[in-house]
């Protein structure tokens, strides 16, 4: 936030100074301001593409394999040897480049260049764009565009390179530090990437090796990479419809001091609500769904299948609102058609159907009771 405010203030001051020196009238100044805002927007998008391209380039140089490339909600994913286009977004990220990791060698995997690649490309492009801006300093439009692109590259490099534990996800700099802390953290990083690669290829969690989903102990979950292994274990239980077992696991995960990023916490609560809806429907647990922080996360991830699935189950099993549930099911089906991970999509569809089965069973029980 500080960096963004500083960059905006510097841009505004620079433009005002330029207008003052050039003797620009009010109309001309407003026109220049509009040009600056548009340049910043385009420069930000361009630098996001460059950032993710940096992960891709340095990942390939480090032996990683291409899985998917996303900027905003525009995503290209490899399926069956072909690269196909999908729409998908993830809260807390402007883009993402997922790659299959090389095999572990003596418990190690190359990780620095892959994670640092985006920052390096932002810095390199910022220097190039700044040089172009200087070459065309007599042309206001060209100067402003390339200066804005250079500034956004520097800003993005600092925001991703300076280690930060953010509300939703940790940045690249923090990931590099965390992975290098121990062999356990490095293995956990490799495991995350490997699972993501197999999921992109359409493999289900339950078909992957069981040992990958062993829950770390409480002390181990203080490491950010290792803590996510507990989330993977929970996801596998969800996939296997072991709802009560998963409910106990999620309760434990959320009760301890762990390094699980905010985005995973929000999704764990989402799954916990679903598990409760399939069982006792405790008002205390279901109340977590309406908490301000949880609703904020759900709003940010409103097109995420697991979120819509739980919204649907909540409308059906907690609110008994068939009309609302019907609208949510249509939204779910719409997003399912463009969802990039086919196996995950099928799993979420099964969970929607399970909620329907529970609701129908409840209606039949009420009907039978009335008949008796």
Protein backbone atom coordinates (compact mmCIF):
# COMPACT_ATOMS: atom_id res chain seq x y z
CA UNK A 1 0.00 0.00 0.00
CA UNK A 2 2.83 2.37 0.89
CA UNK A 3 4.60 1.65 -2.41
CA UNK A 4 1.40 2.17 -4.40
CA UNK A 5 0.61 5.48 -2.69
CA UNK A 6 4.19 6.65 -3.18
CA UNK A 7 4.13 5.72 -6.86
CA UNK A 8 0.78 7.46 -7.40
CA UNK A 9 1.97 10.57 -5.58
CA UNK A 10 5.19 10.69 -7.58
CA UNK A 11 3.29 10.26 -10.86
CA UNK A 12 0.84 13.03 -9.98
CA UNK A 13 3.61 15.40 -8.87
CA UNK A 14 5.65 14.70 -11.99
CA UNK A 15 2.66 15.36 -14.26
CA UNK A 16 1.78 18.59 -12.43
CA UNK A 17 5.37 19.78 -12.69
CA UNK A 18 5.44 18.95 -16.40
CA UNK A 19 2.16 20.81 -16.99
CA UNK A 20 3.46 23.83 -15.07
CA UNK A 21 6.69 23.94 -17.07
CA UNK A 22 4.89 23.53 -20.38
CA UNK A 23 2.26 26.11 -19.51
CA UNK A 24 -0.61 23.67 -20.13
CA UNK A 25 -4.16 24.94 -19.72
CA UNK A 26 -6.70 23.17 -17.49
CA UNK A 27 -8.18 21.22 -20.39
CA UNK A 28 -4.76 20.11 -21.57
CA UNK A 29 -3.80 19.10 -18.05
CA UNK A 30 -6.94 16.96 -17.65
CA UNK A 31 -6.20 15.35 -21.01
CA UNK A 32 -2.65 14.56 -19.86
CA UNK A 33 -4.00 13.17 -16.57
CA UNK A 34 -6.35 10.86 -18.47
CA UNK A 35 -3.42 9.71 -20.60
CA UNK A 36 -1.38 9.01 -17.47
CA UNK A 37 -4.15 6.92 -15.89
CA UNK A 38 -4.63 4.90 -19.08
CA UNK A 39 -0.86 4.40 -19.37
CA UNK A 40 -0.64 3.18 -15.78
CA UNK A 41 -3.49 0.72 -16.37
CA UNK A 42 -1.98 -0.66 -19.58
CA UNK A 43 1.52 -0.65 -18.06
CA UNK A 44 0.27 -2.61 -15.05
CA UNK A 45 -1.31 -5.27 -17.27
CA UNK A 46 1.79 -5.43 -19.46
CA UNK A 47 4.08 -5.85 -16.47
CA UNK A 48 1.85 -8.60 -15.06
CA UNK A 49 2.26 -10.49 -18.35
CA UNK A 50 6.03 -9.88 -18.19
CA UNK A 51 6.14 -11.02 -14.55
CA UNK A 52 4.39 -14.32 -15.23
CA UNK A 53 6.47 -14.71 -18.39
CA UNK A 54 9.55 -14.41 -16.19
CA UNK A 55 8.38 -17.33 -14.07
CA UNK A 56 7.77 -19.31 -17.26
CA UNK A 57 11.16 -18.54 -18.85
CA UNK A 58 13.27 -19.13 -15.75
CA UNK A 59 11.15 -22.14 -14.83
CA UNK A 60 11.86 -23.75 -18.20
CA UNK A 61 15.56 -22.93 -17.79
CA UNK A 62 15.47 -24.67 -14.38
CA UNK A 63 13.90 -27.86 -15.73
CA UNK A 64 10.23 -27.19 -14.95
CA UNK A 65 7.41 -28.19 -17.31
CA UNK A 66 4.64 -25.89 -18.50
CA UNK A 67 1.22 -26.48 -16.92
CA UNK A 68 -0.70 -23.20 -17.12
CA UNK A 69 -0.28 -19.48 -17.60
CA UNK A 70 -2.79 -16.96 -16.25
CA UNK A 71 -3.07 -13.17 -16.30
CA UNK A 72 -6.13 -11.83 -14.49
CA UNK A 73 -8.90 -14.28 -15.41
CA UNK A 74 -7.40 -15.22 -18.79
CA UNK A 75 -5.80 -18.63 -18.54
CA UNK A 76 -4.01 -20.98 -20.93
CA UNK A 77 -3.62 -24.55 -19.71
CA UNK A 78 -2.04 -27.62 -21.26
CA UNK A 79 -4.43 -30.53 -21.80
CA UNK A 80 -3.62 -33.67 -23.74
CA UNK A 81 -0.61 -32.11 -25.41
CA UNK A 82 -2.60 -29.03 -26.48
CA UNK A 83 -2.82 -25.57 -24.93
CA UNK A 84 -6.45 -24.48 -24.44
CA UNK A 85 -8.00 -21.23 -23.22
CA UNK A 86 -10.07 -21.02 -20.04
CA UNK A 87 -11.38 -18.35 -17.66
CA UNK A 88 -10.27 -18.59 -14.04
CA UNK A 89 -9.17 -16.19 -11.31
CA UNK A 90 -7.71 -16.53 -7.85
CA UNK A 91 -8.10 -13.90 -5.13
CA UNK A 92 -4.91 -12.18 -4.07
CA UNK A 93 -3.13 -12.83 -7.37
CA UNK A 94 -2.91 -10.80 -10.57
CA UNK A 95 -1.66 -13.84 -12.45
CA UNK A 96 -0.02 -17.21 -12.00
CA UNK A 97 2.34 -19.48 -13.89
CA UNK A 98 2.09 -23.09 -12.72
CA UNK A 99 4.75 -25.57 -13.79
CA UNK A 100 5.55 -29.20 -13.15
CA UNK A 101 8.71 -29.51 -11.05
CA UNK A 102 11.79 -31.54 -12.00
CA UNK A 103 12.45 -34.65 -9.92
CA UNK A 104 14.01 -34.23 -6.50
CA UNK A 105 17.77 -34.77 -6.42
CA UNK A 106 19.12 -35.57 -2.95
CA UNK A 107 15.96 -34.03 -1.52
CA UNK A 108 16.49 -30.78 -3.41
CA UNK A 109 14.80 -29.01 -6.30
CA UNK A 110 15.82 -25.77 -8.07
CA UNK A 111 13.51 -23.07 -6.74
CA UNK A 112 15.20 -19.67 -6.65
CA UNK A 113 15.20 -18.77 -10.35
CA UNK A 114 11.65 -20.08 -10.88
CA UNK A 115 10.29 -17.99 -7.98
CA UNK A 116 12.51 -14.98 -8.71
CA UNK A 117 11.97 -15.01 -12.48
CA UNK A 118 9.03 -12.60 -12.41
CA UNK A 119 10.92 -10.01 -10.36
CA UNK A 120 13.98 -10.23 -12.62
CA UNK A 121 11.90 -9.74 -15.78
CA UNK A 122 10.08 -6.78 -14.23
CA UNK A 123 13.39 -5.11 -13.39
CA UNK A 124 14.87 -5.80 -16.84
CA UNK A 125 11.78 -4.51 -18.66
CA UNK A 126 11.57 -1.47 -16.36
CA UNK A 127 15.13 -0.51 -17.33
CA UNK A 128 14.35 -0.97 -21.05
CA UNK A 129 11.12 1.02 -20.87
CA UNK A 130 12.81 3.82 -18.94
CA UNK A 131 15.50 4.01 -21.62
CA UNK A 132 12.83 4.23 -24.34
CA UNK A 133 11.05 6.99 -22.39
CA UNK A 134 14.28 9.01 -22.28
CA UNK A 135 14.82 8.55 -26.01
CA UNK A 136 11.34 9.94 -26.75
CA UNK A 137 11.17 12.59 -24.02
CA UNK A 138 10.12 15.20 -26.59
CA UNK A 139 7.01 13.17 -27.42
CA UNK A 140 4.66 13.47 -24.42
CA UNK A 141 2.44 10.45 -25.22
CA UNK A 142 5.37 8.06 -25.77
CA UNK A 143 7.21 9.46 -22.74
CA UNK A 144 4.25 9.00 -20.41
CA UNK A 145 3.41 5.49 -21.63
CA UNK A 146 6.91 4.04 -21.31
CA UNK A 147 7.64 5.92 -18.09
CA UNK A 148 4.42 4.49 -16.59
CA UNK A 149 5.31 0.98 -17.82
CA UNK A 150 8.79 1.34 -16.28
CA UNK A 151 7.33 2.58 -12.98
CA UNK A 152 4.81 -0.29 -12.82
CA UNK A 153 7.61 -2.77 -13.51
CA UNK A 154 9.68 -1.39 -10.66
CA UNK A 155 6.64 -1.31 -8.37
CA UNK A 156 5.71 -4.92 -9.19
CA UNK A 157 9.32 -6.05 -8.69
CA UNK A 158 9.44 -4.44 -5.24
CA UNK A 159 6.03 -5.76 -4.21
CA UNK A 160 7.00 -9.31 -5.19
CA UNK A 161 10.71 -9.20 -4.37
CA UNK A 162 10.56 -7.71 -0.87
CA UNK A 163 9.50 -10.67 1.33
CA UNK A 164 5.92 -10.11 2.48
CA UNK A 165 3.36 -12.30 4.21
CA UNK A 166 0.18 -10.91 2.68
CA UNK A 167 -3.43 -11.37 3.76
CA UNK A 168 -4.30 -13.88 1.04
CA UNK A 169 -1.02 -15.33 -0.27
CA UNK A 170 2.68 -14.84 0.40
CA UNK A 171 4.69 -13.13 -2.33
CA UNK A 172 7.62 -14.53 -4.33
CA UNK A 173 10.30 -13.13 -2.04
CA UNK A 174 8.69 -14.70 1.02
CA UNK A 175 8.28 -18.03 -0.78
CA UNK A 176 12.01 -18.12 -1.59
CA UNK A 177 12.89 -17.52 2.06
CA UNK A 178 10.40 -20.11 3.32
CA UNK A 179 11.47 -22.83 0.87
CA UNK A 180 15.11 -22.39 1.85
CA UNK A 181 14.48 -22.76 5.58
CA UNK A 182 14.58 -26.56 5.67
CA UNK A 183 14.51 -29.73 3.62
CA UNK A 184 10.93 -30.27 4.81
CA UNK A 185 9.82 -26.92 3.40
CA UNK A 186 11.60 -27.64 0.11
CA UNK A 187 9.93 -31.04 -0.18
CA UNK A 188 6.56 -29.48 0.62
CA UNK A 189 7.08 -26.90 -2.13
CA UNK A 190 7.95 -29.66 -4.60
CA UNK A 191 4.88 -31.62 -3.49
CA UNK A 192 2.56 -28.64 -4.01
CA UNK A 193 3.88 -28.17 -7.53
CA UNK A 194 3.66 -31.90 -8.31
CA UNK A 195 0.07 -32.20 -7.09
CA UNK A 196 -0.90 -29.10 -9.10
CA UNK A 197 0.71 -30.60 -12.21
CA UNK A 198 -1.20 -33.87 -11.86
CA UNK A 199 -4.46 -32.04 -11.19
CA UNK A 200 -3.95 -30.01 -14.37
CA UNK A 201 -3.59 -33.33 -16.21
CA UNK A 202 -6.95 -34.48 -14.83
CA UNK A 203 -5.80 -36.80 -12.02
CA UNK A 204 -7.78 -36.93 -8.79
CA UNK A 205 -6.20 -36.55 -5.37
CA UNK A 206 -7.45 -39.97 -4.26
CA UNK A 207 -5.49 -41.56 -7.11
CA UNK A 208 -2.22 -39.99 -6.00
CA UNK A 209 0.14 -41.62 -3.44
CA UNK A 210 -1.39 -41.77 0.05
CA UNK A 211 1.85 -40.62 1.73
CA UNK A 212 1.59 -37.26 -0.03
CA UNK A 213 -1.44 -36.48 2.10
CA UNK A 214 -0.18 -37.25 5.58
CA UNK A 215 -1.11 -34.39 7.92
CA UNK A 216 1.98 -32.61 9.37
CA UNK A 217 2.18 -32.20 13.14
CA UNK A 218 1.37 -28.86 14.76
CA UNK A 219 4.98 -27.71 14.95
CA UNK A 220 5.65 -28.54 11.30
CA UNK A 221 2.62 -26.50 10.24
CA UNK A 222 4.38 -23.32 11.37
CA UNK A 223 6.18 -23.55 8.02
CA UNK A 224 4.15 -21.95 5.22
CA UNK A 225 4.93 -24.63 2.61
CA UNK A 226 4.38 -27.58 4.95
CA UNK A 227 1.15 -26.12 6.33
CA UNK A 228 -0.45 -26.33 2.87
CA UNK A 229 0.02 -30.11 2.97
CA UNK A 230 -2.69 -30.18 5.64
CA UNK A 231 -4.98 -28.34 3.21
CA UNK A 232 -4.25 -30.97 0.55
CA UNK A 233 -5.10 -33.72 3.06
CA UNK A 234 -8.40 -31.95 3.80
CA UNK A 235 -9.16 -31.63 0.08
CA UNK A 236 -8.63 -35.35 -0.37
CA UNK A 237 -11.04 -36.17 2.47
CA UNK A 238 -13.56 -33.84 0.85
CA UNK A 239 -13.15 -35.60 -2.47
CA UNK A 240 -13.74 -38.97 -0.76
CA UNK A 241 -16.89 -37.62 0.97
CA UNK A 242 -15.42 -38.31 4.41
CA UNK A 243 -17.17 -35.21 5.69
CA UNK A 244 -17.14 -35.77 9.44
CA UNK A 245 -13.47 -36.77 9.44
CA UNK A 246 -12.68 -33.69 7.39
CA UNK A 247 -14.69 -31.50 9.77
CA UNK A 248 -12.53 -32.65 12.69
CA UNK A 249 -9.35 -32.04 10.69
CA UNK A 250 -10.40 -28.53 9.64
CA UNK A 251 -11.37 -27.64 13.20
CA UNK A 252 -7.93 -28.70 14.36
CA UNK A 253 -6.10 -26.86 11.57
CA UNK A 254 -7.94 -23.63 12.30
CA UNK A 255 -7.43 -23.92 16.06
CA UNK A 256 -3.63 -24.04 16.04
CA UNK A 257 -0.91 -21.49 15.33
CA UNK A 258 -0.06 -22.30 11.72
CA UNK A 259 1.31 -20.47 8.68
CA UNK A 260 -1.60 -21.33 6.38
CA UNK A 261 -2.19 -18.36 4.00
CA UNK A 262 -5.50 -16.49 4.22
CA UNK A 263 -6.88 -17.80 0.94
CA UNK A 264 -6.61 -21.40 2.18
CA UNK A 265 -8.18 -20.50 5.52
CA UNK A 266 -11.17 -19.03 3.74
CA UNK A 267 -11.60 -22.12 1.58
CA UNK A 268 -11.19 -24.43 4.59
CA UNK A 269 -14.02 -22.61 6.37
CA UNK A 270 -16.06 -22.94 3.18
CA UNK A 271 -15.53 -26.72 3.22
CA UNK A 272 -16.19 -26.85 6.97
CA UNK A 273 -19.60 -25.26 6.46
CA UNK A 274 -20.42 -27.79 3.75
CA UNK A 275 -19.38 -30.68 6.01
CA UNK A 276 -21.64 -29.31 8.77
CA UNK A 277 -24.56 -29.01 6.36
CA UNK A 278 -24.26 -32.74 5.60
CA UNK A 279 -24.43 -33.61 9.30
CA UNK A 280 -25.68 -31.95 12.50
CA UNK A 281 -26.11 -28.39 11.12
CA UNK A 282 -24.80 -26.80 14.31
CA UNK A 283 -25.91 -23.11 14.39
CA UNK A 284 -22.56 -22.18 15.96
CA UNK A 285 -20.62 -23.65 13.03
CA UNK A 286 -23.01 -22.40 10.35
CA UNK A 287 -22.72 -18.87 11.80
CA UNK A 288 -19.13 -18.77 10.55
CA UNK A 289 -20.53 -18.49 7.03
CA UNK A 290 -22.05 -15.07 7.69
CA UNK A 291 -19.01 -13.59 9.47
CA UNK A 292 -17.67 -10.42 7.85
CA UNK A 293 -14.17 -11.73 7.09
CA UNK A 294 -15.50 -14.94 5.58
CA UNK A 295 -18.01 -13.14 3.39
CA UNK A 296 -15.22 -10.85 2.19
CA UNK A 297 -13.17 -13.87 1.08
CA UNK A 298 -16.21 -15.46 -0.55
CA UNK A 299 -16.95 -12.23 -2.43
CA UNK A 300 -13.38 -12.16 -3.75
CA UNK A 301 -13.75 -15.78 -4.86
CA UNK A 302 -17.36 -15.59 -5.99
CA UNK A 303 -16.71 -17.57 -9.19
CA UNK A 304 -14.73 -20.35 -7.48
CA UNK A 305 -16.59 -23.67 -7.78
CA UNK A 306 -16.16 -24.76 -4.16
CA UNK A 307 -17.57 -21.42 -2.98
CA UNK A 308 -20.63 -21.65 -5.23
CA UNK A 309 -21.07 -25.29 -4.21
CA UNK A 310 -21.23 -24.34 -0.53
CA UNK A 311 -23.49 -21.35 -1.23
CA UNK A 312 -25.83 -23.74 -3.04
CA UNK A 313 -25.76 -26.28 -0.20
CA UNK A 314 -26.34 -23.52 2.37
CA UNK A 315 -29.34 -22.13 0.45
CA UNK A 316 -30.81 -25.62 0.13
CA UNK A 317 -30.01 -27.23 3.50
CA UNK A 318 -29.84 -24.27 5.88
CA UNK A 319 -32.21 -21.71 4.35
CA UNK A 320 -34.52 -24.14 2.52
CA UNK A 321 -34.65 -21.56 -0.27
CA UNK A 322 -35.17 -23.51 -3.49
CA UNK A 323 -35.37 -20.41 -5.68
CA UNK A 324 -32.02 -19.09 -4.45
CA UNK A 325 -30.51 -22.57 -4.74
CA UNK A 326 -31.75 -22.83 -8.33
CA UNK A 327 -30.00 -19.58 -9.31
CA UNK A 328 -26.79 -20.72 -7.64
CA UNK A 329 -26.91 -24.04 -9.45
CA UNK A 330 -27.18 -22.23 -12.80
CA UNK A 331 -24.17 -20.10 -11.80
CA UNK A 332 -22.28 -23.25 -10.83
CA UNK A 333 -23.04 -24.92 -14.16
CA UNK A 334 -22.00 -21.79 -16.06
CA UNK A 335 -18.62 -21.65 -14.31
CA UNK A 336 -18.17 -25.41 -14.59
CA UNK A 337 -18.15 -25.15 -18.39
CA UNK A 338 -15.03 -22.97 -18.40
CA UNK A 339 -13.33 -24.37 -15.28
CA UNK A 340 -9.75 -25.33 -16.20
CA UNK A 341 -9.41 -28.40 -13.97
CA UNK A 342 -11.79 -31.07 -15.23
CA UNK A 343 -11.26 -33.56 -12.38
CA UNK A 344 -11.86 -30.85 -9.76
CA UNK A 345 -14.94 -29.74 -11.64
CA UNK A 346 -16.33 -33.27 -11.56
CA UNK A 347 -15.62 -33.53 -7.83
CA UNK A 348 -17.48 -30.28 -7.14
CA UNK A 349 -20.38 -31.46 -9.29
CA UNK A 350 -20.60 -34.61 -7.17
CA UNK A 351 -20.70 -32.49 -4.01
CA UNK A 352 -23.56 -30.44 -5.46
CA UNK A 353 -25.41 -33.67 -6.21
CA UNK A 354 -24.74 -34.94 -2.68
CA UNK A 355 -26.34 -31.80 -1.23
CA UNK A 356 -29.37 -32.41 -3.46
CA UNK A 357 -29.60 -36.03 -2.29
CA UNK A 358 -29.54 -34.95 1.36
CA UNK A 359 -32.24 -32.35 0.72
CA UNK A 360 -34.43 -34.82 -1.19
CA UNK A 361 -34.01 -37.40 1.56
CA UNK A 362 -35.07 -34.81 4.12
CA UNK A 363 -38.14 -33.86 2.08
CA UNK A 364 -39.09 -37.52 1.69
CA UNK A 365 -38.74 -38.04 5.44
CA UNK A 366 -41.05 -35.12 6.13
CA UNK A 367 -43.53 -36.39 3.54
CA UNK A 368 -43.51 -39.90 4.99
CA UNK A 369 -44.04 -38.48 8.47
CA UNK A 370 -47.05 -36.50 7.32
CA UNK A 371 -48.52 -39.59 5.63
CA UNK A 372 -48.12 -41.59 8.85
